[in-house]
Amino acid sequence: MVNFYLILIFIAAYLLGSFPTGYLVVKKFTGQDIRKIGTGNVGAMNVSRATGKGSLFWLTVAADVGKGALAVLLPQWLDFLGYDLFLGITVAGFGAVLGHCYPVFLKFQGGKAQASLIGILGILSWQCLLFPWGGIVIIYILATGYLFLGQFMGAIFLPVVAYFLAPEYFWLSLLMVVPILVRQWPRFIPMLKGQEPKWYWKISKEKKSD
């Protein structure tokens, strides 16, 4: 029965992560499919590029952060069911990130899970939130101009930071970064070819190489 509860928690977290915030926001306010605009990503940055409205960017960020936070709060609220709490949090966190990257509602074409990951880490470990995302990500973005490279390096360092500062979440962090890195990896190809524009959120809405 305990394993059954963990399966249900994973499914619930995956469905939360799959909630297509960016897609619905752009569809509501422009009537367009965000997957055919800009980078084709359904995340908040591409919402901003698709709509030109900062308010919709922050709405998408807030919703995506919220669904990540809610996913890892869920097993804590249901802890009375008797499963191992950290195992419940682990399957929930992984499920939420997997859902955002590969949402069932959008034929598994999702985002990079950055905002959802921030929501998860904000609930579980301020150290894991502050050092990779508040430090490494920003440093790489400012040094290179590539947003995806900062996010990629932040994901690489997340399990390292967790190992030393929040070891109880090491396995969760390791699991979460796998779909994130898989989603980010293709961006290296246009970068190496000189086709990946720097500071891409400042360029026009034109579809660029993905």
Foldseek 3Di string as FASTA:
>chain_A
DLVVVLVVLLVVLLQLLQPQLQQVLLCVPPVDGLLQKAQNASALLSSCQSPVDPVSSVVRLVSLLVSLLVSLVVLVVVCVVPHDNLSSSLSSNLSNLQNQCQPPVVNGHHHLSPSSVLSNCVNPPVQLNCPLPVPQLVVVCVVPLANLVSVLVSLVCSLVSCVPPPVSCNVSSVSNSVSNNVSSVVVVVCVVVVQDDGPSSPDHTHYGDD
